[in-house]
């Protein structure tokens, strides 16, 4: 019967598996760890920020590559469209600088929230930056200027020649792979809080995907009107696991990153317990 909860559960599981498999067949994520690969990132950014949008001055970005001083120490990623082999998107992650804490991130120049300007706190942060997609993957009016919007789960239409046929957008949820790469490098550096500038109209799409965030301050002019936000990776994955399992499976890489962040919190809790025990033991001896 159509209302059978077991049947619905199995159908949902099948849809999620098809979505996860299709996404990973469509895209691969690579670290841009050579000059040639980083240039691919800069060229894509030039197209998005200098040509398609009036966010950066093309004359100040020679060689048709958009770059700034934060690129030197940032970790860069490319989202590769498997069928064409072409870059579909890019992102960089800016990690904190111990010797320049108050000048670690672009957001520190544009947002006066205390956590960005309190000694020691920037070392617990990173900024996800220059997250953008090629124009080929931004086809609809509400896709935004740099990122495609969220679209609902693909629906099964039926079978054709023995194969399942789907009604869906060609590339749904495309930026999730880039976010996954950004989360992973943050966690490898024991960082769980991420800063991000995002177009205001894309915040609703974040919410639909289950990406929980906190607004840090008023909107600013930074590559168009942008909203500064912060999100905690554990909170994002915990929320998305409940609100949008299909997107969680991509963003967490089927739970792998969720396990990483839980491990960091477990270790942090254990360290705190041990520190308290050591302090109590010392206190007793001194008494």
C-alpha atoms as a PDB file:
ATOM      1  CA  UNK A   1       0.000   0.000   0.000  1.00  0.00           C
ATOM      2  CA  UNK A   2       1.163   3.540  -0.784  1.00  0.00           C
ATOM      3  CA  UNK A   3       1.151   4.566   2.875  1.00  0.00           C
ATOM      4  CA  UNK A   4       3.341   1.671   3.993  1.00  0.00           C
ATOM      5  CA  UNK A   5       6.092   3.264   6.163  1.00  0.00           C
ATOM      6  CA  UNK A   6       8.543   0.432   5.437  1.00  0.00           C
ATOM      7  CA  UNK A   7       8.085   0.896   1.693  1.00  0.00           C
ATOM      8  CA  UNK A   8       8.633   4.637   2.047  1.00  0.00           C
ATOM      9  CA  UNK A   9      11.755   4.065   4.128  1.00  0.00           C
ATOM     10  CA  UNK A  10      13.189   1.701   1.511  1.00  0.00           C
ATOM     11  CA  UNK A  11      12.340   4.114  -1.302  1.00  0.00           C
ATOM     12  CA  UNK A  12      14.000   6.995   0.539  1.00  0.00           C
ATOM     13  CA  UNK A  13      17.099   4.892   1.154  1.00  0.00           C
ATOM     14  CA  UNK A  14      17.250   3.971  -2.540  1.00  0.00           C
ATOM     15  CA  UNK A  15      16.889   7.613  -3.570  1.00  0.00           C
ATOM     16  CA  UNK A  16      19.684   8.699  -1.216  1.00  0.00           C
ATOM     17  CA  UNK A  17      22.023   5.987  -2.429  1.00  0.00           C
ATOM     18  CA  UNK A  18      21.297   6.936  -6.039  1.00  0.00           C
ATOM     19  CA  UNK A  19      21.889  10.612  -5.237  1.00  0.00           C
ATOM     20  CA  UNK A  20      25.193   9.947  -3.430  1.00  0.00           C
ATOM     21  CA  UNK A  21      26.448   7.634  -6.173  1.00  0.00           C
ATOM     22  CA  UNK A  22      25.357  10.006  -8.923  1.00  0.00           C
ATOM     23  CA  UNK A  23      27.029  12.970  -7.254  1.00  0.00           C
ATOM     24  CA  UNK A  24      30.332  11.147  -6.914  1.00  0.00           C
ATOM     25  CA  UNK A  25      30.142   9.937 -10.500  1.00  0.00           C
ATOM     26  CA  UNK A  26      29.485  13.489 -11.639  1.00  0.00           C
ATOM     27  CA  UNK A  27      32.170  15.237  -9.584  1.00  0.00           C
ATOM     28  CA  UNK A  28      35.561  14.678  -8.052  1.00  0.00           C
ATOM     29  CA  UNK A  29      37.314  16.986  -5.605  1.00  0.00           C
ATOM     30  CA  UNK A  30      41.061  17.584  -5.795  1.00  0.00           C
ATOM     31  CA  UNK A  31      43.423  19.762  -3.803  1.00  0.00           C
ATOM     32  CA  UNK A  32      44.996  22.399  -6.019  1.00  0.00           C
ATOM     33  CA  UNK A  33      48.485  21.753  -4.690  1.00  0.00           C
ATOM     34  CA  UNK A  34      50.512  22.710  -7.780  1.00  0.00           C
ATOM     35  CA  UNK A  35      51.001  26.035  -9.527  1.00  0.00           C
ATOM     36  CA  UNK A  36      49.075  24.739 -12.538  1.00  0.00           C
ATOM     37  CA  UNK A  37      46.075  23.615 -10.481  1.00  0.00           C
ATOM     38  CA  UNK A  38      46.011  26.828  -8.468  1.00  0.00           C
ATOM     39  CA  UNK A  39      45.988  28.778 -11.704  1.00  0.00           C
ATOM     40  CA  UNK A  40      42.839  26.871 -12.679  1.00  0.00           C
ATOM     41  CA  UNK A  41      41.269  28.128  -9.438  1.00  0.00           C
ATOM     42  CA  UNK A  42      42.337  31.712 -10.159  1.00  0.00           C
ATOM     43  CA  UNK A  43      41.053  31.571 -13.749  1.00  0.00           C
ATOM     44  CA  UNK A  44      37.648  30.323 -12.621  1.00  0.00           C
ATOM     45  CA  UNK A  45      37.509  33.039  -9.971  1.00  0.00           C
ATOM     46  CA  UNK A  46      38.413  35.627 -12.598  1.00  0.00           C
ATOM     47  CA  UNK A  47      35.483  34.513 -14.757  1.00  0.00           C
ATOM     48  CA  UNK A  48      33.052  34.672 -11.819  1.00  0.00           C
ATOM     49  CA  UNK A  49      34.273  37.755  -9.945  1.00  0.00           C
ATOM     50  CA  UNK A  50      35.726  39.917 -12.739  1.00  0.00           C
ATOM     51  CA  UNK A  51      33.799  39.045 -15.912  1.00  0.00           C
ATOM     52  CA  UNK A  52      30.370  37.639 -14.971  1.00  0.00           C
ATOM     53  CA  UNK A  53      30.031  39.969 -11.978  1.00  0.00           C
ATOM     54  CA  UNK A  54      31.451  43.414 -11.280  1.00  0.00           C
ATOM     55  CA  UNK A  55      33.001  42.358  -7.971  1.00  0.00           C
ATOM     56  CA  UNK A  56      36.683  42.740  -8.847  1.00  0.00           C
ATOM     57  CA  UNK A  57      38.511  45.009 -11.278  1.00  0.00           C
ATOM     58  CA  UNK A  58      39.872  42.928 -14.199  1.00  0.00           C
ATOM     59  CA  UNK A  59      42.738  45.382 -14.710  1.00  0.00           C
ATOM     60  CA  UNK A  60      44.018  44.614 -11.206  1.00  0.00           C
ATOM     61  CA  UNK A  61      44.081  40.885 -11.912  1.00  0.00           C
ATOM     62  CA  UNK A  62      46.592  40.295 -14.717  1.00  0.00           C
ATOM     63  CA  UNK A  63      46.762  37.072 -16.703  1.00  0.00           C
ATOM     64  CA  UNK A  64      42.991  36.647 -16.349  1.00  0.00           C
ATOM     65  CA  UNK A  65      43.518  35.235 -12.845  1.00  0.00           C
ATOM     66  CA  UNK A  66      41.827  36.658  -9.730  1.00  0.00           C
ATOM     67  CA  UNK A  67      44.187  36.568  -6.744  1.00  0.00           C
ATOM     68  CA  UNK A  68      44.904  38.319  -3.453  1.00  0.00           C
ATOM     69  CA  UNK A  69      47.424  38.172  -0.613  1.00  0.00           C
ATOM     70  CA  UNK A  70      45.498  35.474   1.280  1.00  0.00           C
ATOM     71  CA  UNK A  71      46.028  32.973  -1.543  1.00  0.00           C
ATOM     72  CA  UNK A  72      49.669  32.381  -0.646  1.00  0.00           C
ATOM     73  CA  UNK A  73      48.947  30.455   2.556  1.00  0.00           C
ATOM     74  CA  UNK A  74      45.421  29.243   1.745  1.00  0.00           C
ATOM     75  CA  UNK A  75      44.518  25.655   0.857  1.00  0.00           C
ATOM     76  CA  UNK A  76      42.739  25.529  -2.516  1.00  0.00           C
ATOM     77  CA  UNK A  77      40.379  22.940  -3.985  1.00  0.00           C
ATOM     78  CA  UNK A  78      38.824  22.294  -7.378  1.00  0.00           C
ATOM     79  CA  UNK A  79      35.559  20.539  -8.089  1.00  0.00           C
ATOM     80  CA  UNK A  80      36.066  18.673 -11.354  1.00  0.00           C
ATOM     81  CA  UNK A  81      33.199  17.730 -13.647  1.00  0.00           C
ATOM     82  CA  UNK A  82      34.052  14.122 -14.455  1.00  0.00           C
ATOM     83  CA  UNK A  83      32.394  13.939 -17.872  1.00  0.00           C
ATOM     84  CA  UNK A  84      34.155  16.987 -19.315  1.00  0.00           C
ATOM     85  CA  UNK A  85      37.231  17.070 -17.091  1.00  0.00           C
ATOM     86  CA  UNK A  86      36.665  20.796 -16.611  1.00  0.00           C
ATOM     87  CA  UNK A  87      36.700  22.719 -13.308  1.00  0.00           C
ATOM     88  CA  UNK A  88      33.139  23.197 -12.101  1.00  0.00           C
ATOM     89  CA  UNK A  89      33.914  25.125  -8.933  1.00  0.00           C
ATOM     90  CA  UNK A  90      36.575  26.162  -6.484  1.00  0.00           C
ATOM     91  CA  UNK A  91      37.056  27.087  -2.836  1.00  0.00           C
ATOM     92  CA  UNK A  92      39.911  28.081  -0.599  1.00  0.00           C
ATOM     93  CA  UNK A  93      40.324  27.656   3.141  1.00  0.00           C
ATOM     94  CA  UNK A  94      42.260  30.325   5.013  1.00  0.00           C
ATOM     95  CA  UNK A  95      43.797  28.973   8.208  1.00  0.00           C
ATOM     96  CA  UNK A  96      44.804  31.159  11.191  1.00  0.00           C
ATOM     97  CA  UNK A  97      48.281  32.635  11.497  1.00  0.00           C
ATOM     98  CA  UNK A  98      49.759  32.273  14.947  1.00  0.00           C
ATOM     99  CA  UNK A  99      52.069  35.269  14.508  1.00  0.00           C
ATOM    100  CA  UNK A 100      49.338  37.436  12.932  1.00  0.00           C
ATOM    101  CA  UNK A 101      46.135  36.354  14.661  1.00  0.00           C
ATOM    102  CA  UNK A 102      44.346  39.651  14.140  1.00  0.00           C
ATOM    103  CA  UNK A 103      45.184  39.666  10.463  1.00  0.00           C
ATOM    104  CA  UNK A 104      44.421  36.042   9.646  1.00  0.00           C
ATOM    105  CA  UNK A 105      41.177  36.381   7.688  1.00  0.00           C
ATOM    106  CA  UNK A 106      39.564  38.812   5.226  1.00  0.00           C
ATOM    107  CA  UNK A 107      36.486  38.920   7.469  1.00  0.00           C
ATOM    108  CA  UNK A 108      38.475  40.595  10.241  1.00  0.00           C
ATOM    109  CA  UNK A 109      38.718  43.742   8.103  1.00  0.00           C
ATOM    110  CA  UNK A 110      34.976  43.881   7.440  1.00  0.00           C
ATOM    111  CA  UNK A 111      33.275  42.545  10.569  1.00  0.00           C
ATOM    112  CA  UNK A 112      33.814  43.844  14.112  1.00  0.00           C
ATOM    113  CA  UNK A 113      32.374  40.858  15.999  1.00  0.00           C
ATOM    114  CA  UNK A 114      34.451  40.285  19.184  1.00  0.00           C
ATOM    115  CA  UNK A 115      35.311  36.654  18.424  1.00  0.00           C
ATOM    116  CA  UNK A 116      37.304  37.841  15.401  1.00  0.00           C
ATOM    117  CA  UNK A 117      39.283  40.327  17.462  1.00  0.00           C
ATOM    118  CA  UNK A 118      39.801  38.594  20.815  1.00  0.00           C
ATOM    119  CA  UNK A 119      43.309  37.307  21.425  1.00  0.00           C
ATOM    120  CA  UNK A 120      43.491  33.532  21.022  1.00  0.00           C
ATOM    121  CA  UNK A 121      40.049  33.088  19.458  1.00  0.00           C
ATOM    122  CA  UNK A 122      41.146  33.413  15.796  1.00  0.00           C
ATOM    123  CA  UNK A 123      43.390  30.361  16.288  1.00  0.00           C
ATOM    124  CA  UNK A 124      40.210  28.301  16.649  1.00  0.00           C
ATOM    125  CA  UNK A 125      38.745  29.566  13.366  1.00  0.00           C
ATOM    126  CA  UNK A 126      39.203  29.269   9.631  1.00  0.00           C
ATOM    127  CA  UNK A 127      37.550  31.144   6.776  1.00  0.00           C
ATOM    128  CA  UNK A 128      35.967  29.368   3.833  1.00  0.00           C
ATOM    129  CA  UNK A 129      36.446  31.784   0.975  1.00  0.00           C
ATOM    130  CA  UNK A 130      36.067  32.234  -2.799  1.00  0.00           C
ATOM    131  CA  UNK A 131      33.449  29.475  -2.876  1.00  0.00           C
ATOM    132  CA  UNK A 132      32.073  29.742  -6.397  1.00  0.00           C
ATOM    133  CA  UNK A 133      30.836  27.708  -9.360  1.00  0.00           C
ATOM    134  CA  UNK A 134      31.363  28.005 -13.101  1.00  0.00           C
ATOM    135  CA  UNK A 135      28.532  29.728 -14.976  1.00  0.00           C
ATOM    136  CA  UNK A 136      27.756  26.437 -16.715  1.00  0.00           C
ATOM    137  CA  UNK A 137      26.462  25.097 -13.404  1.00  0.00           C
ATOM    138  CA  UNK A 138      24.413  28.208 -12.608  1.00  0.00           C
ATOM    139  CA  UNK A 139      21.550  28.020 -15.052  1.00  0.00           C
ATOM    140  CA  UNK A 140      18.473  29.227 -13.211  1.00  0.00           C
ATOM    141  CA  UNK A 141      17.389  32.732 -12.260  1.00  0.00           C
ATOM    142  CA  UNK A 142      17.568  32.065  -8.518  1.00  0.00           C
ATOM    143  CA  UNK A 143      20.975  30.414  -8.641  1.00  0.00           C
ATOM    144  CA  UNK A 144      22.714  33.490  -7.270  1.00  0.00           C
ATOM    145  CA  UNK A 145      25.766  35.174  -8.729  1.00  0.00           C
ATOM    146  CA  UNK A 146      28.403  32.694  -7.560  1.00  0.00           C
ATOM    147  CA  UNK A 147      26.618  29.584  -6.244  1.00  0.00           C
ATOM    148  CA  UNK A 148      23.768  27.453  -7.544  1.00  0.00           C
ATOM    149  CA  UNK A 149      20.695  27.219  -5.380  1.00  0.00           C
ATOM    150  CA  UNK A 150      19.364  24.190  -3.576  1.00  0.00           C
ATOM    151  CA  UNK A 151      16.922  21.938  -5.400  1.00  0.00           C
ATOM    152  CA  UNK A 152      14.678  19.247  -4.021  1.00  0.00           C
ATOM    153  CA  UNK A 153      15.501  15.562  -4.010  1.00  0.00           C
ATOM    154  CA  UNK A 154      15.384  13.944  -7.426  1.00  0.00           C
ATOM    155  CA  UNK A 155      12.230  11.936  -8.144  1.00  0.00           C
ATOM    156  CA  UNK A 156      12.065   8.551  -9.822  1.00  0.00           C
ATOM    157  CA  UNK A 157       9.929   8.678 -12.963  1.00  0.00           C
ATOM    158  CA  UNK A 158      10.069   5.028 -13.959  1.00  0.00           C
ATOM    159  CA  UNK A 159      12.112   2.569 -15.977  1.00  0.00           C
ATOM    160  CA  UNK A 160      13.375   2.859 -19.506  1.00  0.00           C
ATOM    161  CA  UNK A 161      15.267  -0.005 -21.135  1.00  0.00           C
ATOM    162  CA  UNK A 162      15.676  -1.550 -17.704  1.00  0.00           C
ATOM    163  CA  UNK A 163      17.277   1.582 -16.205  1.00  0.00           C
ATOM    164  CA  UNK A 164      15.786   3.982 -13.700  1.00  0.00           C
ATOM    165  CA  UNK A 165      14.869   7.398 -15.117  1.00  0.00           C
ATOM    166  CA  UNK A 166      15.065  10.452 -12.851  1.00  0.00           C
ATOM    167  CA  UNK A 167      13.467  13.871 -13.001  1.00  0.00           C
ATOM    168  CA  UNK A 168      16.081  16.174 -11.550  1.00  0.00           C
ATOM    169  CA  UNK A 169      18.299  19.122 -12.235  1.00  0.00           C
ATOM    170  CA  UNK A 170      21.473  18.102 -14.006  1.00  0.00           C
ATOM    171  CA  UNK A 171      23.787  19.055 -11.150  1.00  0.00           C
ATOM    172  CA  UNK A 172      21.907  19.458  -7.843  1.00  0.00           C
ATOM    173  CA  UNK A 173      23.694  20.538  -4.634  1.00  0.00           C
ATOM    174  CA  UNK A 174      26.966  21.034  -6.558  1.00  0.00           C
ATOM    175  CA  UNK A 175      28.835  23.106  -3.902  1.00  0.00           C
ATOM    176  CA  UNK A 176      28.482  20.386  -1.243  1.00  0.00           C
ATOM    177  CA  UNK A 177      31.649  18.660  -2.450  1.00  0.00           C
ATOM    178  CA  UNK A 178      33.628  21.861  -2.034  1.00  0.00           C
ATOM    179  CA  UNK A 179      32.194  22.346   1.446  1.00  0.00           C
ATOM    180  CA  UNK A 180      33.179  18.766   2.276  1.00  0.00           C
ATOM    181  CA  UNK A 181      36.777  19.470   1.234  1.00  0.00           C
ATOM    182  CA  UNK A 182      36.795  22.668   3.315  1.00  0.00           C
ATOM    183  CA  UNK A 183      35.421  20.838   6.360  1.00  0.00           C
ATOM    184  CA  UNK A 184      38.027  18.118   6.060  1.00  0.00           C
ATOM    185  CA  UNK A 185      41.052  20.443   5.971  1.00  0.00           C
ATOM    186  CA  UNK A 186      39.598  22.396   8.904  1.00  0.00           C
ATOM    187  CA  UNK A 187      39.174  19.211  10.958  1.00  0.00           C
ATOM    188  CA  UNK A 188      42.676  18.044  10.071  1.00  0.00           C
ATOM    189  CA  UNK A 189      43.856  21.284  11.661  1.00  0.00           C
ATOM    190  CA  UNK A 190      41.625  20.634  14.709  1.00  0.00           C
ATOM    191  CA  UNK A 191      39.349  23.546  13.785  1.00  0.00           C
ATOM    192  CA  UNK A 192      35.574  23.176  14.038  1.00  0.00           C
ATOM    193  CA  UNK A 193      34.326  26.775  13.586  1.00  0.00           C
ATOM    194  CA  UNK A 194      34.238  28.195  10.051  1.00  0.00           C
ATOM    195  CA  UNK A 195      33.686  31.754   8.842  1.00  0.00           C
ATOM    196  CA  UNK A 196      31.968  32.463   5.539  1.00  0.00           C
ATOM    197  CA  UNK A 197      30.644  35.385   3.514  1.00  0.00           C
ATOM    198  CA  UNK A 198      27.529  34.349   1.619  1.00  0.00           C
ATOM    199  CA  UNK A 199      24.942  36.027  -0.588  1.00  0.00           C
ATOM    200  CA  UNK A 200      21.915  36.837   1.525  1.00  0.00           C
ATOM    201  CA  UNK A 201      19.486  35.046  -0.799  1.00  0.00           C
ATOM    202  CA  UNK A 202      21.549  31.864  -0.499  1.00  0.00           C
ATOM    203  CA  UNK A 203      21.010  31.647   3.271  1.00  0.00           C
ATOM    204  CA  UNK A 204      17.577  30.124   2.723  1.00  0.00           C
ATOM    205  CA  UNK A 205      19.188  27.437   0.592  1.00  0.00           C
ATOM    206  CA  UNK A 206      21.650  26.727   3.405  1.00  0.00           C
ATOM    207  CA  UNK A 207      18.700  26.302   5.743  1.00  0.00           C
ATOM    208  CA  UNK A 208      16.940  23.932   3.342  1.00  0.00           C
ATOM    209  CA  UNK A 209      20.048  21.793   3.189  1.00  0.00           C
ATOM    210  CA  UNK A 210      20.211  21.713   6.977  1.00  0.00           C
ATOM    211  CA  UNK A 211      23.329  23.880   7.282  1.00  0.00           C
ATOM    212  CA  UNK A 212      22.975  25.599  10.651  1.00  0.00           C
ATOM    213  CA  UNK A 213      24.721  28.966  10.960  1.00  0.00           C
ATOM    214  CA  UNK A 214      24.942  32.079  13.141  1.00  0.00           C
ATOM    215  CA  UNK A 215      24.958  35.599  11.711  1.00  0.00           C
ATOM    216  CA  UNK A 216      27.976  37.578  12.901  1.00  0.00           C
ATOM    217  CA  UNK A 217      26.874  41.075  12.005  1.00  0.00           C
ATOM    218  CA  UNK A 218      25.257  43.325   9.415  1.00  0.00           C
ATOM    219  CA  UNK A 219      25.643  42.727   5.685  1.00  0.00           C
ATOM    220  CA  UNK A 220      28.744  44.132   4.043  1.00  0.00           C
ATOM    221  CA  UNK A 221      29.807  45.010   0.524  1.00  0.00           C
ATOM    222  CA  UNK A 222      32.278  42.258  -0.352  1.00  0.00           C
ATOM    223  CA  UNK A 223      31.935  40.827  -3.851  1.00  0.00           C
ATOM    224  CA  UNK A 224      28.404  42.143  -3.804  1.00  0.00           C
ATOM    225  CA  UNK A 225      26.232  42.317  -0.712  1.00  0.00           C
ATOM    226  CA  UNK A 226      27.336  39.539   1.611  1.00  0.00           C
ATOM    227  CA  UNK A 227      26.282  38.244   4.999  1.00  0.00           C
ATOM    228  CA  UNK A 228      29.066  37.259   7.436  1.00  0.00           C
ATOM    229  CA  UNK A 229      28.214  33.993   9.177  1.00  0.00           C
ATOM    230  CA  UNK A 230      29.913  31.354  11.292  1.00  0.00           C
ATOM    231  CA  UNK A 231      29.040  27.707  11.586  1.00  0.00           C
ATOM    232  CA  UNK A 232      30.271  24.885  13.729  1.00  0.00           C
ATOM    233  CA  UNK A 233      31.024  21.732  11.757  1.00  0.00           C
ATOM    234  CA  UNK A 234      29.648  19.388  14.410  1.00  0.00           C
ATOM    235  CA  UNK A 235      26.447  21.407  14.728  1.00  0.00           C
ATOM    236  CA  UNK A 236      26.065  21.468  10.932  1.00  0.00           C
ATOM    237  CA  UNK A 237      26.458  17.710  10.587  1.00  0.00           C
ATOM    238  CA  UNK A 238      24.293  16.955  13.639  1.00  0.00           C
ATOM    239  CA  UNK A 239      21.506  19.153  12.246  1.00  0.00           C
ATOM    240  CA  UNK A 240      21.803  17.941   8.668  1.00  0.00           C
ATOM    241  CA  UNK A 241      21.718  14.312   9.783  1.00  0.00           C
ATOM    242  CA  UNK A 242      18.181  14.959  11.021  1.00  0.00           C
ATOM    243  CA  UNK A 243      16.957  17.558   8.524  1.00  0.00           C
ATOM    244  CA  UNK A 244      18.456  16.414   5.223  1.00  0.00           C
ATOM    245  CA  UNK A 245      19.994  12.951   5.214  1.00  0.00           C
ATOM    246  CA  UNK A 246      20.737  12.966   1.483  1.00  0.00           C
ATOM    247  CA  UNK A 247      22.869  16.110   1.750  1.00  0.00           C
ATOM    248  CA  UNK A 248      24.458  14.855   4.985  1.00  0.00           C
ATOM    249  CA  UNK A 249      25.707  11.750   3.189  1.00  0.00           C
ATOM    250  CA  UNK A 250      27.559  13.923   0.667  1.00  0.00           C
ATOM    251  CA  UNK A 251      28.803  16.597   3.073  1.00  0.00           C
ATOM    252  CA  UNK A 252      29.979  14.078   5.686  1.00  0.00           C
ATOM    253  CA  UNK A 253      31.180  11.567   3.067  1.00  0.00           C
ATOM    254  CA  UNK A 254      28.798   8.942   4.411  1.00  0.00           C
ATOM    255  CA  UNK A 255      29.618   9.860   8.010  1.00  0.00           C
ATOM    256  CA  UNK A 256      33.419   9.902   7.737  1.00  0.00           C
ATOM    257  CA  UNK A 257      33.754  13.601   8.595  1.00  0.00           C
ATOM    258  CA  UNK A 258      31.078  13.314  11.265  1.00  0.00           C
ATOM    259  CA  UNK A 259      33.214  10.667  12.937  1.00  0.00           C
ATOM    260  CA  UNK A 260      36.255  12.969  12.680  1.00  0.00           C
ATOM    261  CA  UNK A 261      34.537  15.911  14.351  1.00  0.00           C
ATOM    262  CA  UNK A 262      33.010  13.716  17.056  1.00  0.00           C
ATOM    263  CA  UNK A 263      36.497  12.384  17.730  1.00  0.00           C
ATOM    264  CA  UNK A 264      37.822  15.926  18.191  1.00  0.00           C
ATOM    265  CA  UNK A 265      35.068  16.739  20.665  1.00  0.00           C
ATOM    266  CA  UNK A 266      35.609  13.449  22.504  1.00  0.00           C
ATOM    267  CA  UNK A 267      39.337  14.151  22.834  1.00  0.00           C
ATOM    268  CA  UNK A 268      38.645  17.717  23.943  1.00  0.00           C
ATOM    269  CA  UNK A 269      36.235  16.456  26.609  1.00  0.00           C
ATOM    270  CA  UNK A 270      38.724  13.848  27.806  1.00  0.00           C
ATOM    271  CA  UNK A 271      41.512  16.449  27.962  1.00  0.00           C
ATOM    272  CA  UNK A 272      39.273  18.730  30.029  1.00  0.00           C
ATOM    273  CA  UNK A 273      38.413  15.904  32.413  1.00  0.00           C
ATOM    274  CA  UNK A 274      42.091  14.979  32.825  1.00  0.00           C
ATOM    275  CA  UNK A 275      43.040  18.630  33.395  1.00  0.00           C
ATOM    276  CA  UNK A 276      40.365  18.899  36.107  1.00  0.00           C
ATOM    277  CA  UNK A 277      41.539  15.669  37.755  1.00  0.00           C
ATOM    278  CA  UNK A 278      45.143  16.880  37.716  1.00  0.00           C
ATOM    279  CA  UNK A 279      44.110  20.223  39.212  1.00  0.00           C
ATOM    280  CA  UNK A 280      42.049  18.561  41.924  1.00  0.00           C
ATOM    281  CA  UNK A 281      44.943  16.220  42.768  1.00  0.00           C
ATOM    282  CA  UNK A 282      47.370  19.169  43.006  1.00  0.00           C
ATOM    283  CA  UNK A 283      44.882  21.125  45.116  1.00  0.00           C
ATOM    284  CA  UNK A 284      44.566  18.212  47.586  1.00  0.00           C
ATOM    285  CA  UNK A 285      48.344  17.908  47.903  1.00  0.00           C
ATOM    286  CA  UNK A 286      48.764  21.629  48.507  1.00  0.00           C
ATOM    287  CA  UNK A 287      46.002  21.512  51.108  1.00  0.00           C
END
